Every structure is written in C-alpha cells, then in structure tokens.
Amino acid sequence: MQHIISVLVENKSGVLSRISGLFSGRGFNIESLCVGPTLDPTVSMMTIVTVGDDRIIEQITKQLNKLVDVIKVIDLTENEYVERETALIRVNARAKDRAEALRVVDIFRAKIIHSTANTYTIEITGDVKKIDAVINLLRPLGIKDLIRTGPIAISCEEIKTDVAREERKVIST
C-alpha cells in the first residue's frame, strides 16, 4: 500500500542525504520526495511517498524518529490530509489536434505555458487521479515529454513544530 509520510526536519545541510540513506540502506524505495522550507526558516517539511505494508511503514517511521535532525514524523495516510501534484506535459499541437488539446486543457483547468508551431506545453495541478486522467486523454495526441513532481501533502490538523522540537530536546537530554 502507498503511504505519504510527512517529516518535519531541521533545515540543515546533510539531512536529506541521511534520510534518503536510511531508505536505501534498508532496501526501501522512495516513490517521490519533495522538500521545502516552512514558515520557520530553520525547519523544512519533507513529503515522502513510499510503498509498504503496516510493518514496513512502522519500521520506517521508527527509524526516521531516531535521526537527530528529525522533529516529527507523520504517516498522513492514517489521518485526513490534502494532496496535490503538478505535471508539465509537452504534446503534439498539429493542426488536427489543437482543438482537442485546448478542450482537455479547458476541462481540467490546466494552462498552456508554452507553445511552438508543433507542440503545447501544459501545466496541470491536482490530485493524482486528475493528473492521470489528463495524461490518459492527451496520450492519443502524442505526449512528447512528461514530468511530474510527485505528491505534496499537508495534514488537515495543525502540526505543532515548537512542541515537537521541545519534546525531542527533553527526550535526548
């Protein structure tokens, strides 16, 4: 089963390397990984998508929590969350296909962000099902290139970063 794991970490060099090393060292695959700063510039949020049964995810979570620079680990698939993904898709824009490409863009509220005489580059943001649906509709037109970000997700509940950081200080001392 696919899991989205949200990891709140100290925004320091080497943290990403240690976390990805933890996964590879134990033979776990990362399907996608997105990292960015939070409102607090000293803290970053990592969104990791991985596949595993409950035992494997529990092991991953425990191993992540042992890392010094990790503040909080949440398996978002156990909670209510919102997720989005972005894709850039370059498709054929031959005269006979232009109307269909524009129709798909309009239906899914995507954008054409670049065009040439032969191609359109389309930007689409939404959940995974929406991205997959657009790709399936554009495939007959001839997809030339496709890049997806992988999901980013946020819990519908507030994550207390200061409290989590204080709890880690008390445990580690």
C-alpha atoms as a PDB file:
ATOM      1  CA  MET A   1       0.000   0.000   0.000  1.00  0.00           C
ATOM      2  CA  GLN A   2       1.222   3.508  -0.822  1.00  0.00           C
ATOM      3  CA  HIS A   3       1.884   5.810   2.132  1.00  0.00           C
ATOM      4  CA  ILE A   4       2.576   9.534   2.281  1.00  0.00           C
ATOM      5  CA  ILE A   5       4.928  10.319   5.143  1.00  0.00           C
ATOM      6  CA  SER A   6       5.382  13.889   6.284  1.00  0.00           C
ATOM      7  CA  VAL A   7       8.713  14.529   8.012  1.00  0.00           C
ATOM      8  CA  LEU A   8       9.423  17.800   9.774  1.00  0.00           C
ATOM      9  CA  VAL A   9      13.207  18.295   9.907  1.00  0.00           C
ATOM     10  CA  GLU A  10      15.829  20.815  10.889  1.00  0.00           C
ATOM     11  CA  ASN A  11      16.753  22.851   7.792  1.00  0.00           C
ATOM     12  CA  LYS A  12      20.434  21.869   7.732  1.00  0.00           C
ATOM     13  CA  SER A  13      22.767  20.506   5.103  1.00  0.00           C
ATOM     14  CA  GLY A  14      23.036  16.724   5.011  1.00  0.00           C
ATOM     15  CA  VAL A  15      19.566  15.994   6.395  1.00  0.00           C
ATOM     16  CA  LEU A  16      18.158  14.949   3.018  1.00  0.00           C
ATOM     17  CA  SER A  17      21.161  12.697   2.441  1.00  0.00           C
ATOM     18  CA  ARG A  18      20.772  10.986   5.829  1.00  0.00           C
ATOM     19  CA  ILE A  19      17.057  10.368   5.273  1.00  0.00           C
ATOM     20  CA  SER A  20      17.460   9.028   1.744  1.00  0.00           C
ATOM     21  CA  GLY A  21      20.373   6.905   3.010  1.00  0.00           C
ATOM     22  CA  LEU A  22      18.134   5.445   5.697  1.00  0.00           C
ATOM     23  CA  PHE A  23      15.685   4.293   3.000  1.00  0.00           C
ATOM     24  CA  SER A  24      18.307   2.882   0.628  1.00  0.00           C
ATOM     25  CA  GLY A  25      20.289   1.229   3.422  1.00  0.00           C
ATOM     26  CA  ARG A  26      17.266  -0.796   4.444  1.00  0.00           C
ATOM     27  CA  GLY A  27      16.109  -1.574   0.909  1.00  0.00           C
ATOM     28  CA  PHE A  28      13.043   0.693   0.982  1.00  0.00           C
ATOM     29  CA  ASN A  29      12.112   2.582  -2.168  1.00  0.00           C
ATOM     30  CA  ILE A  30      11.129   6.243  -2.280  1.00  0.00           C
ATOM     31  CA  GLU A  31       8.445   6.722  -4.950  1.00  0.00           C
ATOM     32  CA  SER A  32       8.678  10.518  -4.696  1.00  0.00           C
ATOM     33  CA  LEU A  33      10.326  13.065  -2.435  1.00  0.00           C
ATOM     34  CA  CYS A  34       9.600  16.773  -2.096  1.00  0.00           C
ATOM     35  CA  VAL A  35      11.339  19.095   0.376  1.00  0.00           C
ATOM     36  CA  GLY A  36      10.774  22.740   1.146  1.00  0.00           C
ATOM     37  CA  PRO A  37      11.066  25.255   3.970  1.00  0.00           C
ATOM     38  CA  THR A  38       8.151  26.017   6.277  1.00  0.00           C
ATOM     39  CA  LEU A  39       7.150  29.369   7.770  1.00  0.00           C
ATOM     40  CA  ASP A  40      10.040  28.872  10.186  1.00  0.00           C
ATOM     41  CA  PRO A  41      13.183  29.092   8.000  1.00  0.00           C
ATOM     42  CA  THR A  42      15.055  26.738  10.361  1.00  0.00           C
ATOM     43  CA  VAL A  43      12.566  23.933   9.638  1.00  0.00           C
ATOM     44  CA  SER A  44      11.750  22.084   6.405  1.00  0.00           C
ATOM     45  CA  MET A  45       8.913  19.723   5.534  1.00  0.00           C
ATOM     46  CA  MET A  46       9.646  16.570   3.576  1.00  0.00           C
ATOM     47  CA  THR A  47       6.860  14.700   1.818  1.00  0.00           C
ATOM     48  CA  ILE A  48       7.938  11.131   1.134  1.00  0.00           C
ATOM     49  CA  VAL A  49       5.813   8.694  -0.848  1.00  0.00           C
ATOM     50  CA  THR A  50       6.732   5.052  -0.304  1.00  0.00           C
ATOM     51  CA  VAL A  51       5.115   1.641  -0.578  1.00  0.00           C
ATOM     52  CA  GLY A  52       4.931  -0.974   2.143  1.00  0.00           C
ATOM     53  CA  ASP A  53       2.716  -2.913   4.487  1.00  0.00           C
ATOM     54  CA  ASP A  54       1.972  -1.693   8.008  1.00  0.00           C
ATOM     55  CA  ARG A  55       5.052  -3.425   9.461  1.00  0.00           C
ATOM     56  CA  ILE A  56       7.414  -1.782   6.957  1.00  0.00           C
ATOM     57  CA  ILE A  57       5.872   1.680   7.405  1.00  0.00           C
ATOM     58  CA  GLU A  58       6.104   1.319  11.183  1.00  0.00           C
ATOM     59  CA  GLN A  59       9.785   0.381  10.821  1.00  0.00           C
ATOM     60  CA  ILE A  60      10.424   3.378   8.536  1.00  0.00           C
ATOM     61  CA  THR A  61       8.667   5.713  10.969  1.00  0.00           C
ATOM     62  CA  LYS A  62      10.659   4.411  13.945  1.00  0.00           C
ATOM     63  CA  GLN A  63      13.958   4.702  12.052  1.00  0.00           C
ATOM     64  CA  LEU A  64      13.139   8.261  10.934  1.00  0.00           C
ATOM     65  CA  ASN A  65      12.296   9.268  14.509  1.00  0.00           C
ATOM     66  CA  LYS A  66      15.758   8.103  15.630  1.00  0.00           C
ATOM     67  CA  LEU A  67      17.519  10.620  13.372  1.00  0.00           C
ATOM     68  CA  VAL A  68      18.778  13.666  15.291  1.00  0.00           C
ATOM     69  CA  ASP A  69      17.548  16.310  12.833  1.00  0.00           C
ATOM     70  CA  VAL A  70      14.024  14.868  12.575  1.00  0.00           C
ATOM     71  CA  ILE A  71      11.467  16.833  14.595  1.00  0.00           C
ATOM     72  CA  LYS A  72       8.256  14.949  13.791  1.00  0.00           C
ATOM     73  CA  VAL A  73       7.138  12.066  11.547  1.00  0.00           C
ATOM     74  CA  ILE A  74       3.523  11.605  10.495  1.00  0.00           C
ATOM     75  CA  ASP A  75       2.088   8.901   8.245  1.00  0.00           C
ATOM     76  CA  LEU A  76      -0.509  11.121   6.573  1.00  0.00           C
ATOM     77  CA  THR A  77      -2.415   8.146   5.168  1.00  0.00           C
ATOM     78  CA  GLU A  78      -3.622   7.480   8.728  1.00  0.00           C
ATOM     79  CA  ASN A  79      -5.083  11.000   9.024  1.00  0.00           C
ATOM     80  CA  GLU A  80      -7.104  13.450   6.978  1.00  0.00           C
ATOM     81  CA  TYR A  81      -4.876  15.317   4.533  1.00  0.00           C
ATOM     82  CA  VAL A  82      -4.882  17.348   1.325  1.00  0.00           C
ATOM     83  CA  GLU A  83      -2.546  16.397  -1.514  1.00  0.00           C
ATOM     84  CA  ARG A  84      -1.579  17.987  -4.820  1.00  0.00           C
ATOM     85  CA  GLU A  85       0.794  17.191  -7.641  1.00  0.00           C
ATOM     86  CA  THR A  86       1.985  19.226 -10.608  1.00  0.00           C
ATOM     87  CA  ALA A  87       2.817  17.916 -14.057  1.00  0.00           C
ATOM     88  CA  LEU A  88       4.314  19.506 -17.154  1.00  0.00           C
ATOM     89  CA  ILE A  89       3.261  17.743 -20.338  1.00  0.00           C
ATOM     90  CA  ARG A  90       4.528  18.535 -23.840  1.00  0.00           C
ATOM     91  CA  VAL A  91       2.114  17.263 -26.517  1.00  0.00           C
ATOM     92  CA  ASN A  92       1.837  17.413 -30.276  1.00  0.00           C
ATOM     93  CA  ALA A  93      -0.014  20.506 -31.469  1.00  0.00           C
ATOM     94  CA  ARG A  94      -0.601  19.575 -35.074  1.00  0.00           C
ATOM     95  CA  ALA A  95      -3.474  21.458 -36.699  1.00  0.00           C
ATOM     96  CA  LYS A  96      -5.816  18.465 -36.387  1.00  0.00           C
ATOM     97  CA  ASP A  97      -5.018  18.016 -32.632  1.00  0.00           C
ATOM     98  CA  ARG A  98      -5.057  21.623 -31.419  1.00  0.00           C
ATOM     99  CA  ALA A  99      -8.791  21.805 -30.699  1.00  0.00           C
ATOM    100  CA  GLU A 100      -8.704  18.561 -28.703  1.00  0.00           C
ATOM    101  CA  ALA A 101      -5.670  19.679 -26.693  1.00  0.00           C
ATOM    102  CA  LEU A 102      -7.347  23.010 -25.885  1.00  0.00           C
ATOM    103  CA  ARG A 103     -10.550  21.181 -24.884  1.00  0.00           C
ATOM    104  CA  VAL A 104      -8.674  18.947 -22.421  1.00  0.00           C
ATOM    105  CA  VAL A 105      -6.800  21.948 -21.009  1.00  0.00           C
ATOM    106  CA  ASP A 106     -10.093  23.800 -20.508  1.00  0.00           C
ATOM    107  CA  ILE A 107     -11.976  20.872 -18.936  1.00  0.00           C
ATOM    108  CA  PHE A 108      -9.253  20.232 -16.348  1.00  0.00           C
ATOM    109  CA  ARG A 109      -8.445  23.902 -15.710  1.00  0.00           C
ATOM    110  CA  ALA A 110      -4.871  23.387 -16.848  1.00  0.00           C
ATOM    111  CA  LYS A 111      -2.726  26.012 -18.580  1.00  0.00           C
ATOM    112  CA  ILE A 112      -0.730  26.132 -21.754  1.00  0.00           C
ATOM    113  CA  ILE A 113       2.506  27.690 -20.563  1.00  0.00           C
ATOM    114  CA  HIS A 114       4.483  27.422 -23.803  1.00  0.00           C
ATOM    115  CA  SER A 115       3.683  26.755 -27.427  1.00  0.00           C
ATOM    116  CA  THR A 116       5.573  26.241 -30.626  1.00  0.00           C
ATOM    117  CA  ALA A 117       4.383  25.531 -34.144  1.00  0.00           C
ATOM    118  CA  ASN A 118       4.384  21.798 -33.295  1.00  0.00           C
ATOM    119  CA  THR A 119       3.855  21.474 -29.530  1.00  0.00           C
ATOM    120  CA  TYR A 120       1.992  22.748 -26.484  1.00  0.00           C
ATOM    121  CA  THR A 121       3.490  22.563 -23.009  1.00  0.00           C
ATOM    122  CA  ILE A 122       0.690  22.101 -20.495  1.00  0.00           C
ATOM    123  CA  GLU A 123       0.828  22.692 -16.740  1.00  0.00           C
ATOM    124  CA  ILE A 124      -1.695  20.847 -14.569  1.00  0.00           C
ATOM    125  CA  THR A 125      -2.071  20.765 -10.783  1.00  0.00           C
ATOM    126  CA  GLY A 126      -4.391  18.493  -8.856  1.00  0.00           C
ATOM    127  CA  ASP A 127      -4.674  15.174  -7.117  1.00  0.00           C
ATOM    128  CA  VAL A 128      -3.080  12.075  -8.609  1.00  0.00           C
ATOM    129  CA  LYS A 129      -6.340  10.927 -10.240  1.00  0.00           C
ATOM    130  CA  LYS A 130      -6.737  14.264 -12.046  1.00  0.00           C
ATOM    131  CA  ILE A 131      -3.160  14.165 -13.345  1.00  0.00           C
ATOM    132  CA  ASP A 132      -3.621  10.564 -14.530  1.00  0.00           C
ATOM    133  CA  ALA A 133      -6.906  11.473 -16.266  1.00  0.00           C
ATOM    134  CA  VAL A 134      -5.294  14.349 -18.190  1.00  0.00           C
ATOM    135  CA  ILE A 135      -2.389  12.150 -19.242  1.00  0.00           C
ATOM    136  CA  ASN A 136      -4.779   9.455 -20.488  1.00  0.00           C
ATOM    137  CA  LEU A 137      -6.749  11.994 -22.542  1.00  0.00           C
ATOM    138  CA  LEU A 138      -3.617  13.572 -24.012  1.00  0.00           C
ATOM    139  CA  ARG A 139      -1.886  10.281 -24.813  1.00  0.00           C
ATOM    140  CA  PRO A 140      -3.718   9.820 -28.182  1.00  0.00           C
ATOM    141  CA  LEU A 141      -2.454  13.270 -29.265  1.00  0.00           C
ATOM    142  CA  GLY A 142       1.124  12.176 -28.759  1.00  0.00           C
ATOM    143  CA  ILE A 143       2.870  13.055 -25.499  1.00  0.00           C
ATOM    144  CA  LYS A 144       6.417  14.178 -26.289  1.00  0.00           C
ATOM    145  CA  ASP A 145       7.588  14.717 -22.715  1.00  0.00           C
ATOM    146  CA  LEU A 146       6.157  14.367 -19.212  1.00  0.00           C
ATOM    147  CA  ILE A 147       7.464  15.467 -15.825  1.00  0.00           C
ATOM    148  CA  ARG A 148       5.576  15.013 -12.537  1.00  0.00           C
ATOM    149  CA  THR A 149       6.503  16.429  -9.138  1.00  0.00           C
ATOM    150  CA  GLY A 150       5.039  13.611  -7.099  1.00  0.00           C
ATOM    151  CA  PRO A 151       2.527  14.462  -4.405  1.00  0.00           C
ATOM    152  CA  ILE A 152       2.991  17.079  -1.750  1.00  0.00           C
ATOM    153  CA  ALA A 153       0.600  16.823   1.150  1.00  0.00           C
ATOM    154  CA  ILE A 154      -0.421  18.638   4.288  1.00  0.00           C
ATOM    155  CA  SER A 155      -2.335  17.346   7.261  1.00  0.00           C
ATOM    156  CA  CYS A 156      -5.736  18.882   7.873  1.00  0.00           C
ATOM    157  CA  GLU A 157      -4.692  19.111  11.516  1.00  0.00           C
ATOM    158  CA  GLU A 158      -2.098  21.554  12.800  1.00  0.00           C
ATOM    159  CA  ILE A 159       1.365  20.131  13.471  1.00  0.00           C
ATOM    160  CA  LYS A 160       2.917  21.816  16.486  1.00  0.00           C
ATOM    161  CA  THR A 161       6.564  22.286  15.486  1.00  0.00           C
ATOM    162  CA  ASP A 162       7.674  24.092  18.628  1.00  0.00           C
ATOM    163  CA  VAL A 163       6.083  21.472  20.903  1.00  0.00           C
ATOM    164  CA  ALA A 164       7.601  18.629  18.872  1.00  0.00           C
ATOM    165  CA  ARG A 165      11.037  20.291  19.000  1.00  0.00           C
ATOM    166  CA  GLU A 166      10.799  20.741  22.792  1.00  0.00           C
ATOM    167  CA  GLU A 167       9.697  17.109  23.232  1.00  0.00           C
ATOM    168  CA  ARG A 168      12.776  15.934  21.281  1.00  0.00           C
ATOM    169  CA  LYS A 169      15.096  18.087  23.435  1.00  0.00           C
ATOM    170  CA  VAL A 170      13.656  16.582  26.639  1.00  0.00           C
ATOM    171  CA  ILE A 171      13.963  13.013  25.283  1.00  0.00           C
ATOM    172  CA  SER A 172      17.532  13.486  24.029  1.00  0.00           C
ATOM    173  CA  THR A 173      18.914  15.028  27.233  1.00  0.00           C
END
